[in-house]
Amino acid sequence: MFKTSWFFLLFYIASGCGNFGKLDFIARLPNALKENSGIAYYPESGSLWLVEDNGNKDIIYNVDFKGNIMKELEVKNAKNHDWEDLTTDKKGNLYIGDFGNNDNDRKNLVIYKLPNPNSKSGKKIRAQQIKFNYPEQEGFPPGRHRKLFDAEAFFHHGSHLYIITKNRANPFTGEAMIYKVPDRPGDYKAKLLGRIKTCGDWDTCQVTSADISPNGKDIVLLGYGKLWSLSNFDLATDDFTKVKSREIDLDVRTQLESVCFKDNTSLFLSDEEQHKLGRNLYSYNFKR
């Protein structure tokens, strides 16, 4: 009896169905999305789109709320060097952030702009390229204390894309920089708008995804088990000097990589599979 119970407990944990902390489990994602890194939601069609990161296929995936892949679109005029986040604009365009930069040595940072994927009937979708660089970066790579130019998070507002960097400096300071670039094809110098301090723990305080609420009043930043809710910013003037940040410990330590708003109070999140844990789709009401 004891051996049987222990076997099922091990199976339960190994299948990724362990403690989800404050997150509400929705579905297990398919094996094709083991390294999922970005998620976007289209409320008018109730559809979710996901991508994978470094070196995976140049494909975006439409997934239902049972974890089934409903559609795949190959992205033309694009290459998955390190796709790290997804976001959308009010017109339904989808943006892929190919700005993963673990070693801080990339000179080919780009955001791909796609038309609404729900409107595509074929198997391919063509991207436009928004190329950019960080004017403050002086070395490729810089010294280890200046490795501040990785990114895994961005959101769209107005006519711009706002990029939040991932701090890889040693010693770790928990500081993330906020940049913006136009949402139109071109080659740009990203404009530094300000800096946000998350916390001082390397394992949980690096920013892995971000989004802004549909009403534009809240920004969320995701880490490996933590969430930061930002308010009191002014995107009309790009003023982040009075930002209020609320840290939320999600009570889970899986490799959370993706977040997007479902509505003004609730979120969708997903994590990569690591040590046979994760690869799940979750929801969370961050206002509760």
C-alpha atoms as a PDB file:
ATOM      1  CA  MET A   1       0.000   0.000   0.000  1.00  0.00           C
ATOM      2  CA  PHE A   2       2.763   2.430   0.962  1.00  0.00           C
ATOM      3  CA  LYS A   3       4.838   1.591  -2.127  1.00  0.00           C
ATOM      4  CA  THR A   4       1.855   2.107  -4.423  1.00  0.00           C
ATOM      5  CA  SER A   5       1.027   5.484  -2.873  1.00  0.00           C
ATOM      6  CA  TRP A   6       4.652   6.594  -3.130  1.00  0.00           C
ATOM      7  CA  PHE A   7       4.777   5.598  -6.796  1.00  0.00           C
ATOM      8  CA  PHE A   8       1.738   7.703  -7.630  1.00  0.00           C
ATOM      9  CA  LEU A   9       3.150  10.632  -5.659  1.00  0.00           C
ATOM     10  CA  LEU A  10       6.358  10.496  -7.693  1.00  0.00           C
ATOM     11  CA  PHE A  11       4.350  10.242 -10.912  1.00  0.00           C
ATOM     12  CA  TYR A  12       2.234  13.222  -9.855  1.00  0.00           C
ATOM     13  CA  ILE A  13       5.318  15.377  -9.287  1.00  0.00           C
ATOM     14  CA  ALA A  14       7.183  14.165 -12.381  1.00  0.00           C
ATOM     15  CA  SER A  15       4.189  14.902 -14.612  1.00  0.00           C
ATOM     16  CA  GLY A  16       4.357  18.564 -13.636  1.00  0.00           C
ATOM     17  CA  CYS A  17       1.252  18.462 -11.455  1.00  0.00           C
ATOM     18  CA  GLY A  18       2.873  19.490  -8.203  1.00  0.00           C
ATOM     19  CA  ASN A  19       2.365  22.588  -6.106  1.00  0.00           C
ATOM     20  CA  PHE A  20       1.270  25.529  -8.252  1.00  0.00           C
ATOM     21  CA  GLY A  21       1.443  28.015  -5.394  1.00  0.00           C
ATOM     22  CA  LYS A  22      -0.956  30.895  -5.980  1.00  0.00           C
ATOM     23  CA  LEU A  23      -1.352  30.066  -9.665  1.00  0.00           C
ATOM     24  CA  ASP A  24      -4.465  28.350 -11.013  1.00  0.00           C
ATOM     25  CA  PHE A  25      -3.578  25.430 -13.278  1.00  0.00           C
ATOM     26  CA  ILE A  26      -5.314  25.425 -16.683  1.00  0.00           C
ATOM     27  CA  ALA A  27      -3.557  22.814 -18.809  1.00  0.00           C
ATOM     28  CA  ARG A  28      -0.351  20.968 -19.532  1.00  0.00           C
ATOM     29  CA  LEU A  29       1.274  22.310 -22.693  1.00  0.00           C
ATOM     30  CA  PRO A  30       2.396  19.939 -25.479  1.00  0.00           C
ATOM     31  CA  ASN A  31       5.960  18.648 -25.865  1.00  0.00           C
ATOM     32  CA  ALA A  32       6.448  20.969 -28.842  1.00  0.00           C
ATOM     33  CA  LEU A  33       6.303  23.874 -26.372  1.00  0.00           C
ATOM     34  CA  LYS A  34       8.749  22.518 -23.817  1.00  0.00           C
ATOM     35  CA  GLU A  35      10.787  25.730 -24.116  1.00  0.00           C
ATOM     36  CA  ASN A  36       7.869  28.151 -24.457  1.00  0.00           C
ATOM     37  CA  SER A  37       8.993  31.716 -23.859  1.00  0.00           C
ATOM     38  CA  GLY A  38       6.210  34.097 -24.906  1.00  0.00           C
ATOM     39  CA  ILE A  39       2.427  34.200 -24.769  1.00  0.00           C
ATOM     40  CA  ALA A  40      -0.204  36.527 -26.258  1.00  0.00           C
ATOM     41  CA  TYR A  41      -3.982  36.528 -25.873  1.00  0.00           C
ATOM     42  CA  TYR A  42      -6.625  37.695 -28.338  1.00  0.00           C
ATOM     43  CA  PRO A  43      -9.827  38.266 -26.313  1.00  0.00           C
ATOM     44  CA  GLU A  44     -12.074  38.749 -29.352  1.00  0.00           C
ATOM     45  CA  SER A  45     -11.342  35.182 -30.502  1.00  0.00           C
ATOM     46  CA  GLY A  46     -10.373  33.733 -27.129  1.00  0.00           C
ATOM     47  CA  SER A  47      -7.128  32.451 -28.621  1.00  0.00           C
ATOM     48  CA  LEU A  48      -3.639  32.070 -27.208  1.00  0.00           C
ATOM     49  CA  TRP A  49      -0.438  32.173 -29.246  1.00  0.00           C
ATOM     50  CA  LEU A  50       2.944  30.977 -27.975  1.00  0.00           C
ATOM     51  CA  VAL A  51       6.556  30.800 -29.167  1.00  0.00           C
ATOM     52  CA  GLU A  52       9.699  28.984 -28.100  1.00  0.00           C
ATOM     53  CA  ASP A  53      13.099  30.528 -27.474  1.00  0.00           C
ATOM     54  CA  ASN A  54      16.729  30.104 -28.541  1.00  0.00           C
ATOM     55  CA  GLY A  55      17.296  27.994 -31.644  1.00  0.00           C
ATOM     56  CA  ASN A  56      13.800  26.513 -31.946  1.00  0.00           C
ATOM     57  CA  LYS A  57      11.593  26.609 -35.031  1.00  0.00           C
ATOM     58  CA  ASP A  58      10.473  29.851 -36.692  1.00  0.00           C
ATOM     59  CA  ILE A  59       6.891  29.020 -35.756  1.00  0.00           C
ATOM     60  CA  ILE A  60       4.095  30.562 -33.715  1.00  0.00           C
ATOM     61  CA  TYR A  61       1.636  28.174 -32.081  1.00  0.00           C
ATOM     62  CA  ASN A  62      -2.092  28.599 -31.465  1.00  0.00           C
ATOM     63  CA  VAL A  63      -3.050  26.646 -28.318  1.00  0.00           C
ATOM     64  CA  ASP A  64      -6.470  25.988 -26.803  1.00  0.00           C
ATOM     65  CA  PHE A  65      -7.282  25.893 -23.093  1.00  0.00           C
ATOM     66  CA  LYS A  66      -6.849  22.131 -22.957  1.00  0.00           C
ATOM     67  CA  GLY A  67      -3.241  22.467 -24.062  1.00  0.00           C
ATOM     68  CA  ASN A  68      -3.796  21.309 -27.656  1.00  0.00           C
ATOM     69  CA  ILE A  69      -2.038  22.912 -30.602  1.00  0.00           C
ATOM     70  CA  MET A  70      -4.781  24.123 -32.933  1.00  0.00           C
ATOM     71  CA  LYS A  71      -2.609  25.775 -35.568  1.00  0.00           C
ATOM     72  CA  GLU A  72       1.024  26.427 -36.473  1.00  0.00           C
ATOM     73  CA  LEU A  73       2.262  29.295 -38.649  1.00  0.00           C
ATOM     74  CA  GLU A  74       5.778  29.457 -40.054  1.00  0.00           C
ATOM     75  CA  VAL A  75       7.124  32.997 -39.782  1.00  0.00           C
ATOM     76  CA  LYS A  76       8.808  34.128 -42.990  1.00  0.00           C
ATOM     77  CA  ASN A  77      11.452  36.895 -43.162  1.00  0.00           C
ATOM     78  CA  ALA A  78      12.433  35.910 -39.606  1.00  0.00           C
ATOM     79  CA  LYS A  79      14.862  33.689 -37.758  1.00  0.00           C
ATOM     80  CA  ASN A  80      14.557  32.411 -34.207  1.00  0.00           C
ATOM     81  CA  HIS A  81      17.891  33.491 -32.766  1.00  0.00           C
ATOM     82  CA  ASP A  82      16.292  33.855 -29.327  1.00  0.00           C
ATOM     83  CA  TRP A  83      12.562  34.646 -29.311  1.00  0.00           C
ATOM     84  CA  GLU A  84      11.760  35.662 -25.760  1.00  0.00           C
ATOM     85  CA  ASP A  85       8.360  37.364 -25.573  1.00  0.00           C
ATOM     86  CA  LEU A  86       5.156  38.184 -27.440  1.00  0.00           C
ATOM     87  CA  THR A  87       2.899  41.208 -27.335  1.00  0.00           C
ATOM     88  CA  THR A  88       0.022  42.667 -29.366  1.00  0.00           C
ATOM     89  CA  ASP A  89      -1.282  46.111 -30.271  1.00  0.00           C
ATOM     90  CA  LYS A  90      -4.844  47.444 -30.445  1.00  0.00           C
ATOM     91  CA  LYS A  91      -4.994  46.651 -34.172  1.00  0.00           C
ATOM     92  CA  GLY A  92      -4.266  42.969 -33.564  1.00  0.00           C
ATOM     93  CA  ASN A  93      -0.682  42.949 -34.820  1.00  0.00           C
ATOM     94  CA  LEU A  94       1.570  40.437 -33.086  1.00  0.00           C
ATOM     95  CA  TYR A  95       5.159  41.267 -32.101  1.00  0.00           C
ATOM     96  CA  ILE A  96       7.928  38.728 -31.451  1.00  0.00           C
ATOM     97  CA  GLY A  97      10.849  39.935 -29.348  1.00  0.00           C
ATOM     98  CA  ASP A  98      14.012  38.364 -30.752  1.00  0.00           C
ATOM     99  CA  PHE A  99      16.182  40.082 -28.173  1.00  0.00           C
ATOM    100  CA  GLY A 100      17.398  37.264 -25.942  1.00  0.00           C
ATOM    101  CA  ASN A 101      21.053  38.117 -25.318  1.00  0.00           C
ATOM    102  CA  ASN A 102      22.437  35.901 -22.551  1.00  0.00           C
ATOM    103  CA  ASP A 103      26.067  36.772 -23.270  1.00  0.00           C
ATOM    104  CA  ASN A 104      25.358  40.455 -24.046  1.00  0.00           C
ATOM    105  CA  ASP A 105      27.224  40.103 -27.349  1.00  0.00           C
ATOM    106  CA  ARG A 106      24.454  40.314 -29.973  1.00  0.00           C
ATOM    107  CA  LYS A 107      24.402  43.039 -32.619  1.00  0.00           C
ATOM    108  CA  ASN A 108      21.363  41.709 -34.475  1.00  0.00           C
ATOM    109  CA  LEU A 109      18.545  42.519 -32.031  1.00  0.00           C
ATOM    110  CA  VAL A 110      15.165  42.652 -33.747  1.00  0.00           C
ATOM    111  CA  ILE A 111      11.443  42.674 -33.081  1.00  0.00           C
ATOM    112  CA  TYR A 112       9.244  41.003 -35.695  1.00  0.00           C
ATOM    113  CA  LYS A 113       5.884  42.582 -36.506  1.00  0.00           C
ATOM    114  CA  LEU A 114       3.206  40.228 -37.830  1.00  0.00           C
ATOM    115  CA  PRO A 115      -0.395  40.817 -38.903  1.00  0.00           C
ATOM    116  CA  ASN A 116      -3.114  39.289 -36.713  1.00  0.00           C
ATOM    117  CA  PRO A 117      -2.372  35.536 -36.940  1.00  0.00           C
ATOM    118  CA  ASN A 118      -6.038  34.673 -36.417  1.00  0.00           C
ATOM    119  CA  SER A 119      -6.768  36.158 -39.847  1.00  0.00           C
ATOM    120  CA  LYS A 120      -4.335  33.848 -41.662  1.00  0.00           C
ATOM    121  CA  SER A 121      -5.787  30.802 -43.405  1.00  0.00           C
ATOM    122  CA  GLY A 122      -2.553  29.312 -44.746  1.00  0.00           C
ATOM    123  CA  LYS A 123       0.489  27.844 -43.029  1.00  0.00           C
ATOM    124  CA  LYS A 124       2.807  30.849 -43.298  1.00  0.00           C
ATOM    125  CA  ILE A 125       2.860  34.435 -42.075  1.00  0.00           C
ATOM    126  CA  ARG A 126       5.288  37.162 -43.117  1.00  0.00           C
ATOM    127  CA  ALA A 127       7.099  39.426 -40.652  1.00  0.00           C
ATOM    128  CA  GLN A 128       8.381  42.972 -40.871  1.00  0.00           C
ATOM    129  CA  GLN A 129      11.587  43.800 -39.015  1.00  0.00           C
ATOM    130  CA  ILE A 130      12.118  46.412 -36.303  1.00  0.00           C
ATOM    131  CA  LYS A 131      15.874  46.423 -35.696  1.00  0.00           C
ATOM    132  CA  PHE A 132      17.408  48.211 -32.731  1.00  0.00           C
ATOM    133  CA  ASN A 133      20.424  48.613 -30.478  1.00  0.00           C
ATOM    134  CA  TYR A 134      21.149  49.940 -26.989  1.00  0.00           C
ATOM    135  CA  PRO A 135      23.207  53.170 -27.249  1.00  0.00           C
ATOM    136  CA  GLU A 136      24.452  52.721 -23.664  1.00  0.00           C
ATOM    137  CA  GLN A 137      26.160  49.393 -24.424  1.00  0.00           C
ATOM    138  CA  GLU A 138      29.885  49.891 -24.959  1.00  0.00           C
ATOM    139  CA  GLY A 139      31.250  46.348 -25.127  1.00  0.00           C
ATOM    140  CA  PHE A 140      30.138  43.135 -26.899  1.00  0.00           C
ATOM    141  CA  PRO A 141      30.212  41.619 -24.376  1.00  0.00           C
ATOM    142  CA  PRO A 142      30.739  44.275 -21.714  1.00  0.00           C
ATOM    143  CA  GLY A 143      32.443  43.534 -18.397  1.00  0.00           C
ATOM    144  CA  ARG A 144      30.533  41.195 -16.110  1.00  0.00           C
ATOM    145  CA  HIS A 145      29.357  44.078 -13.903  1.00  0.00           C
ATOM    146  CA  ARG A 146      27.819  45.726 -17.023  1.00  0.00           C
ATOM    147  CA  LYS A 147      25.903  42.770 -18.415  1.00  0.00           C
ATOM    148  CA  LEU A 148      22.622  44.664 -18.429  1.00  0.00           C
ATOM    149  CA  PHE A 149      21.565  44.237 -22.072  1.00  0.00           C
ATOM    150  CA  ASP A 150      19.770  40.913 -22.189  1.00  0.00           C
ATOM    151  CA  ALA A 151      15.985  41.170 -22.556  1.00  0.00           C
ATOM    152  CA  GLU A 152      13.047  38.780 -22.284  1.00  0.00           C
ATOM    153  CA  ALA A 153      10.167  41.209 -21.748  1.00  0.00           C
ATOM    154  CA  PHE A 154       8.249  43.895 -23.596  1.00  0.00           C
ATOM    155  CA  PHE A 155       4.785  45.360 -24.153  1.00  0.00           C
ATOM    156  CA  HIS A 156       3.071  47.651 -26.638  1.00  0.00           C
ATOM    157  CA  HIS A 157       1.463  50.999 -25.885  1.00  0.00           C
ATOM    158  CA  GLY A 158       0.442  53.813 -28.226  1.00  0.00           C
ATOM    159  CA  SER A 159       2.816  53.589 -31.165  1.00  0.00           C
ATOM    160  CA  HIS A 160       5.816  52.181 -29.305  1.00  0.00           C
ATOM    161  CA  LEU A 161       7.248  48.991 -27.868  1.00  0.00           C
ATOM    162  CA  TYR A 162       8.613  49.139 -24.331  1.00  0.00           C
ATOM    163  CA  ILE A 163      11.485  46.729 -23.601  1.00  0.00           C
ATOM    164  CA  ILE A 164      12.432  45.740 -20.042  1.00  0.00           C
ATOM    165  CA  THR A 165      15.934  44.324 -19.751  1.00  0.00           C
ATOM    166  CA  LYS A 166      17.075  41.226 -17.875  1.00  0.00           C
ATOM    167  CA  ASN A 167      19.939  41.904 -15.472  1.00  0.00           C
ATOM    168  CA  ARG A 168      22.859  39.453 -15.806  1.00  0.00           C
ATOM    169  CA  ALA A 169      25.430  41.583 -14.024  1.00  0.00           C
ATOM    170  CA  ASN A 170      27.759  40.194 -11.379  1.00  0.00           C
ATOM    171  CA  PRO A 171      27.299  41.349  -8.688  1.00  0.00           C
ATOM    172  CA  PHE A 172      23.543  41.248  -9.254  1.00  0.00           C
ATOM    173  CA  THR A 173      21.703  44.477  -8.456  1.00  0.00           C
ATOM    174  CA  GLY A 174      18.114  43.608  -9.414  1.00  0.00           C
ATOM    175  CA  GLU A 175      17.973  46.643 -11.684  1.00  0.00           C
ATOM    176  CA  ALA A 176      16.027  46.468 -14.951  1.00  0.00           C
ATOM    177  CA  MET A 177      16.178  49.198 -17.578  1.00  0.00           C
ATOM    178  CA  ILE A 178      13.176  50.390 -19.595  1.00  0.00           C
ATOM    179  CA  TYR A 179      13.718  51.231 -23.273  1.00  0.00           C
ATOM    180  CA  LYS A 180      11.351  52.086 -26.090  1.00  0.00           C
ATOM    181  CA  VAL A 181      11.402  51.806 -29.875  1.00  0.00           C
ATOM    182  CA  PRO A 182       8.795  52.720 -32.517  1.00  0.00           C
ATOM    183  CA  ASP A 183       6.436  49.937 -33.589  1.00  0.00           C
ATOM    184  CA  ARG A 184       7.233  50.561 -37.283  1.00  0.00           C
ATOM    185  CA  PRO A 185       9.804  48.709 -39.404  1.00  0.00           C
ATOM    186  CA  GLY A 186      13.197  50.399 -39.334  1.00  0.00           C
ATOM    187  CA  ASP A 187      16.550  50.467 -37.587  1.00  0.00           C
ATOM    188  CA  TYR A 188      16.543  52.398 -34.309  1.00  0.00           C
ATOM    189  CA  LYS A 189      18.563  53.425 -31.309  1.00  0.00           C
ATOM    190  CA  ALA A 190      16.426  52.362 -28.361  1.00  0.00           C
ATOM    191  CA  LYS A 191      15.637  55.227 -25.997  1.00  0.00           C
ATOM    192  CA  LEU A 192      16.383  54.671 -22.311  1.00  0.00           C
ATOM    193  CA  LEU A 193      13.422  55.848 -20.212  1.00  0.00           C
ATOM    194  CA  GLY A 194      14.320  54.758 -16.710  1.00  0.00           C
ATOM    195  CA  ARG A 195      15.219  51.949 -14.353  1.00  0.00           C
ATOM    196  CA  ILE A 196      13.181  49.652 -12.136  1.00  0.00           C
ATOM    197  CA  LYS A 197      14.522  47.774  -9.099  1.00  0.00           C
ATOM    198  CA  THR A 198      12.958  44.358  -8.544  1.00  0.00           C
ATOM    199  CA  CYS A 199      14.878  42.647  -5.722  1.00  0.00           C
ATOM    200  CA  GLY A 200      18.347  41.354  -4.959  1.00  0.00           C
ATOM    201  CA  ASP A 201      17.983  37.586  -5.463  1.00  0.00           C
ATOM    202  CA  TRP A 202      19.475  36.336  -8.743  1.00  0.00           C
ATOM    203  CA  ASP A 203      17.274  33.219  -8.783  1.00  0.00           C
ATOM    204  CA  THR A 204      13.913  34.982  -8.594  1.00  0.00           C
ATOM    205  CA  CYS A 205      14.379  38.659  -9.479  1.00  0.00           C
ATOM    206  CA  GLN A 206      15.398  38.645 -13.145  1.00  0.00           C
ATOM    207  CA  VAL A 207      12.612  39.889 -15.435  1.00  0.00           C
ATOM    208  CA  THR A 208      11.426  37.162 -17.838  1.00  0.00           C
ATOM    209  CA  SER A 209       8.245  38.670 -19.324  1.00  0.00           C
ATOM    210  CA  ALA A 210       5.978  41.713 -19.119  1.00  0.00           C
ATOM    211  CA  ASP A 211       2.624  43.092 -20.209  1.00  0.00           C
ATOM    212  CA  ILE A 212       0.356  46.106 -19.784  1.00  0.00           C
ATOM    213  CA  SER A 213      -3.324  45.890 -18.871  1.00  0.00           C
ATOM    214  CA  PRO A 214      -5.936  46.631 -21.570  1.00  0.00           C
ATOM    215  CA  ASN A 215      -6.869  49.883 -19.793  1.00  0.00           C
ATOM    216  CA  GLY A 216      -3.202  50.919 -19.597  1.00  0.00           C
ATOM    217  CA  LYS A 217      -3.230  51.382 -15.818  1.00  0.00           C
ATOM    218  CA  ASP A 218      -1.046  48.455 -14.732  1.00  0.00           C
ATOM    219  CA  ILE A 219       2.197  46.907 -15.936  1.00  0.00           C
ATOM    220  CA  VAL A 220       3.272  43.489 -14.696  1.00  0.00           C
ATOM    221  CA  LEU A 221       6.809  42.131 -14.702  1.00  0.00           C
ATOM    222  CA  LEU A 222       7.398  38.406 -14.263  1.00  0.00           C
ATOM    223  CA  GLY A 223      10.330  36.671 -12.578  1.00  0.00           C
ATOM    224  CA  TYR A 224      11.121  33.088 -11.639  1.00  0.00           C
ATOM    225  CA  GLY A 225       8.369  32.817  -9.052  1.00  0.00           C
ATOM    226  CA  LYS A 226       7.611  36.478  -8.444  1.00  0.00           C
ATOM    227  CA  LEU A 227       5.459  39.125 -10.036  1.00  0.00           C
ATOM    228  CA  TRP A 228       5.768  42.910  -9.822  1.00  0.00           C
ATOM    229  CA  SER A 229       2.734  45.086 -10.378  1.00  0.00           C
ATOM    230  CA  LEU A 230       3.665  48.620 -11.460  1.00  0.00           C
ATOM    231  CA  SER A 231       1.352  51.601 -11.187  1.00  0.00           C
ATOM    232  CA  ASN A 232       1.574  55.421 -11.111  1.00  0.00           C
ATOM    233  CA  PHE A 233       3.588  55.681 -14.331  1.00  0.00           C
ATOM    234  CA  ASP A 234       2.850  58.112 -17.163  1.00  0.00           C
ATOM    235  CA  LEU A 235       3.315  56.699 -20.655  1.00  0.00           C
ATOM    236  CA  ALA A 236       2.123  59.943 -22.228  1.00  0.00           C
ATOM    237  CA  THR A 237       5.370  61.538 -21.048  1.00  0.00           C
ATOM    238  CA  ASP A 238       7.327  58.295 -20.460  1.00  0.00           C
ATOM    239  CA  ASP A 239       7.706  59.258 -16.811  1.00  0.00           C
ATOM    240  CA  PHE A 240       8.654  56.330 -14.577  1.00  0.00           C
ATOM    241  CA  THR A 241      10.079  58.403 -11.735  1.00  0.00           C
ATOM    242  CA  LYS A 242       7.013  57.994  -9.507  1.00  0.00           C
ATOM    243  CA  VAL A 243       6.333  54.328 -10.202  1.00  0.00           C
ATOM    244  CA  LYS A 244       4.865  52.294  -7.365  1.00  0.00           C
ATOM    245  CA  SER A 245       5.883  48.648  -7.372  1.00  0.00           C
ATOM    246  CA  ARG A 246       4.082  45.852  -5.534  1.00  0.00           C
ATOM    247  CA  GLU A 247       5.956  42.557  -5.236  1.00  0.00           C
ATOM    248  CA  ILE A 248       3.874  39.380  -5.301  1.00  0.00           C
ATOM    249  CA  ASP A 249       5.445  36.065  -4.383  1.00  0.00           C
ATOM    250  CA  LEU A 250       3.640  33.410  -6.422  1.00  0.00           C
ATOM    251  CA  ASP A 251       4.843  30.654  -4.053  1.00  0.00           C
ATOM    252  CA  VAL A 252       6.187  28.588  -6.929  1.00  0.00           C
ATOM    253  CA  ARG A 253       9.750  28.323  -8.266  1.00  0.00           C
ATOM    254  CA  THR A 254       9.361  26.861 -11.743  1.00  0.00           C
ATOM    255  CA  GLN A 255      10.914  28.567 -14.763  1.00  0.00           C
ATOM    256  CA  LEU A 256       8.118  31.050 -15.393  1.00  0.00           C
ATOM    257  CA  GLU A 257       8.831  32.682 -18.765  1.00  0.00           C
ATOM    258  CA  SER A 258       5.591  34.196 -20.048  1.00  0.00           C
ATOM    259  CA  VAL A 259       2.802  36.471 -18.887  1.00  0.00           C
ATOM    260  CA  CYS A 260      -0.016  38.367 -20.607  1.00  0.00           C
ATOM    261  CA  PHE A 261      -3.234  40.017 -19.492  1.00  0.00           C
ATOM    262  CA  LYS A 262      -6.534  38.229 -19.971  1.00  0.00           C
ATOM    263  CA  ASP A 263      -8.428  41.323 -18.777  1.00  0.00           C
ATOM    264  CA  ASN A 264      -7.703  44.231 -16.457  1.00  0.00           C
ATOM    265  CA  THR A 265      -7.401  42.044 -13.353  1.00  0.00           C
ATOM    266  CA  SER A 266      -6.318  38.573 -14.450  1.00  0.00           C
ATOM    267  CA  LEU A 267      -3.345  37.052 -16.240  1.00  0.00           C
ATOM    268  CA  PHE A 268      -2.253  34.045 -18.231  1.00  0.00           C
ATOM    269  CA  LEU A 269       1.195  32.624 -17.415  1.00  0.00           C
ATOM    270  CA  SER A 270       3.302  29.714 -18.623  1.00  0.00           C
ATOM    271  CA  ASP A 271       6.567  28.054 -17.691  1.00  0.00           C
ATOM    272  CA  GLU A 272       9.248  26.032 -19.433  1.00  0.00           C
ATOM    273  CA  GLU A 273       9.765  22.409 -18.526  1.00  0.00           C
ATOM    274  CA  GLN A 274      12.754  21.955 -16.227  1.00  0.00           C
ATOM    275  CA  HIS A 275      13.600  18.754 -14.356  1.00  0.00           C
ATOM    276  CA  LYS A 276      10.241  17.363 -15.550  1.00  0.00           C
ATOM    277  CA  LEU A 277       8.356  20.180 -13.847  1.00  0.00           C
ATOM    278  CA  GLY A 278       6.565  23.025 -15.573  1.00  0.00           C
ATOM    279  CA  ARG A 279       5.379  23.256 -19.200  1.00  0.00           C
ATOM    280  CA  ASN A 280       2.014  24.403 -17.909  1.00  0.00           C
ATOM    281  CA  LEU A 281      -0.524  27.093 -18.664  1.00  0.00           C
ATOM    282  CA  TYR A 282      -1.855  29.003 -15.646  1.00  0.00           C
ATOM    283  CA  SER A 283      -4.129  31.885 -14.731  1.00  0.00           C
ATOM    284  CA  TYR A 284      -3.793  34.338 -11.881  1.00  0.00           C
ATOM    285  CA  ASN A 285      -5.885  37.224 -10.521  1.00  0.00           C
ATOM    286  CA  PHE A 286      -3.229  39.731  -9.499  1.00  0.00           C
ATOM    287  CA  LYS A 287      -5.765  42.109  -7.928  1.00  0.00           C
ATOM    288  CA  ARG A 288      -6.902  39.659  -5.264  1.00  0.00           C
END
